[in-house]
Amino acid sequence: MSKEKQTEDVETLKSMTVKLELGNMKLKATKAEAIKTLIAYFEREAAIKSILEKTTPFKG
């Protein structure tokens, strides 16, 4: 393999690595946003459950 071809291959790999890293960063940001959304959802559900337990007479 010629030196020129090796250099070209290395540059291609560097470019692909940068693209993969950017994609990974986007996925991490999406994951973080999804986690925040789920936490907010579960906190809201817990608050609703707490309110319902306080306002609903116990039957037993």
C-alpha atoms as a PDB file:
ATOM      1  CA  MET A   1       0.000   0.000   0.000  1.00  0.00           C
ATOM      2  CA  SER A   2       1.397   3.364  -0.958  1.00  0.00           C
ATOM      3  CA  LYS A   3       2.120   6.081   1.564  1.00  0.00           C
ATOM      4  CA  GLU A   4      -0.472   8.297  -0.144  1.00  0.00           C
ATOM      5  CA  LYS A   5      -3.147   5.601   0.165  1.00  0.00           C
ATOM      6  CA  GLN A   6      -2.289   5.046   3.839  1.00  0.00           C
ATOM      7  CA  THR A   7      -2.556   8.774   4.517  1.00  0.00           C
ATOM      8  CA  GLU A   8      -5.905   8.878   2.723  1.00  0.00           C
ATOM      9  CA  ASP A   9      -7.161   5.901   4.745  1.00  0.00           C
ATOM     10  CA  VAL A  10      -6.058   7.514   8.008  1.00  0.00           C
ATOM     11  CA  GLU A  11      -7.848  10.746   7.110  1.00  0.00           C
ATOM     12  CA  THR A  12     -10.983   8.788   6.209  1.00  0.00           C
ATOM     13  CA  LEU A  13     -10.870   6.982   9.549  1.00  0.00           C
ATOM     14  CA  LYS A  14     -10.379  10.267  11.418  1.00  0.00           C
ATOM     15  CA  SER A  15     -13.383  11.739   9.617  1.00  0.00           C
ATOM     16  CA  MET A  16     -15.503   8.699  10.424  1.00  0.00           C
ATOM     17  CA  THR A  17     -14.400   8.860  14.067  1.00  0.00           C
ATOM     18  CA  VAL A  18     -15.449  12.504  14.329  1.00  0.00           C
ATOM     19  CA  LYS A  19     -18.849  11.698  12.814  1.00  0.00           C
ATOM     20  CA  LEU A  20     -19.335   8.796  15.229  1.00  0.00           C
ATOM     21  CA  GLU A  21     -18.337  10.952  18.192  1.00  0.00           C
ATOM     22  CA  LEU A  22     -20.842  13.627  17.154  1.00  0.00           C
ATOM     23  CA  GLY A  23     -23.541  10.994  16.804  1.00  0.00           C
ATOM     24  CA  ASN A  24     -22.635   9.637  20.228  1.00  0.00           C
ATOM     25  CA  MET A  25     -22.881  13.121  21.751  1.00  0.00           C
ATOM     26  CA  LYS A  26     -26.336  13.576  20.214  1.00  0.00           C
ATOM     27  CA  LEU A  27     -27.454  10.208  21.584  1.00  0.00           C
ATOM     28  CA  LYS A  28     -26.182  11.106  25.053  1.00  0.00           C
ATOM     29  CA  ALA A  29     -28.080  14.405  24.924  1.00  0.00           C
ATOM     30  CA  THR A  30     -31.245  12.599  23.816  1.00  0.00           C
ATOM     31  CA  LYS A  31     -30.802  10.042  26.600  1.00  0.00           C
ATOM     32  CA  ALA A  32     -30.353  12.788  29.197  1.00  0.00           C
ATOM     33  CA  GLU A  33     -33.495  14.541  27.966  1.00  0.00           C
ATOM     34  CA  ALA A  34     -35.456  11.274  28.063  1.00  0.00           C
ATOM     35  CA  ILE A  35     -34.292  10.613  31.618  1.00  0.00           C
ATOM     36  CA  LYS A  36     -35.386  14.098  32.712  1.00  0.00           C
ATOM     37  CA  THR A  37     -38.772  13.537  31.088  1.00  0.00           C
ATOM     38  CA  LEU A  38     -39.226  10.170  32.808  1.00  0.00           C
ATOM     39  CA  ILE A  39     -38.234  11.587  36.190  1.00  0.00           C
ATOM     40  CA  ALA A  40     -40.742  14.418  35.790  1.00  0.00           C
ATOM     41  CA  TYR A  41     -43.423  11.905  34.782  1.00  0.00           C
ATOM     42  CA  PHE A  42     -42.801   9.652  37.789  1.00  0.00           C
ATOM     43  CA  GLU A  43     -42.677  12.621  40.168  1.00  0.00           C
ATOM     44  CA  ARG A  44     -45.995  13.851  38.797  1.00  0.00           C
ATOM     45  CA  GLU A  45     -47.539  10.394  39.114  1.00  0.00           C
ATOM     46  CA  ALA A  46     -46.301  10.129  42.712  1.00  0.00           C
ATOM     47  CA  ALA A  47     -47.786  13.539  43.515  1.00  0.00           C
ATOM     48  CA  ILE A  48     -51.133  12.565  41.979  1.00  0.00           C
ATOM     49  CA  LYS A  49     -51.140   9.289  43.898  1.00  0.00           C
ATOM     50  CA  SER A  50     -50.353  11.121  47.135  1.00  0.00           C
ATOM     51  CA  ILE A  51     -53.172  13.612  46.571  1.00  0.00           C
ATOM     52  CA  LEU A  52     -55.624  10.835  45.740  1.00  0.00           C
ATOM     53  CA  GLU A  53     -54.639   8.898  48.861  1.00  0.00           C
ATOM     54  CA  LYS A  54     -55.215  11.992  50.999  1.00  0.00           C
ATOM     55  CA  THR A  55     -58.559  12.879  49.434  1.00  0.00           C
ATOM     56  CA  THR A  56     -60.048   9.421  48.937  1.00  0.00           C
ATOM     57  CA  PRO A  57     -61.679   7.949  52.027  1.00  0.00           C
ATOM     58  CA  PHE A  58     -60.244   4.617  53.101  1.00  0.00           C
ATOM     59  CA  LYS A  59     -62.576   1.709  52.445  1.00  0.00           C
ATOM     60  CA  GLY A  60     -61.667  -1.347  54.363  1.00  0.00           C
END
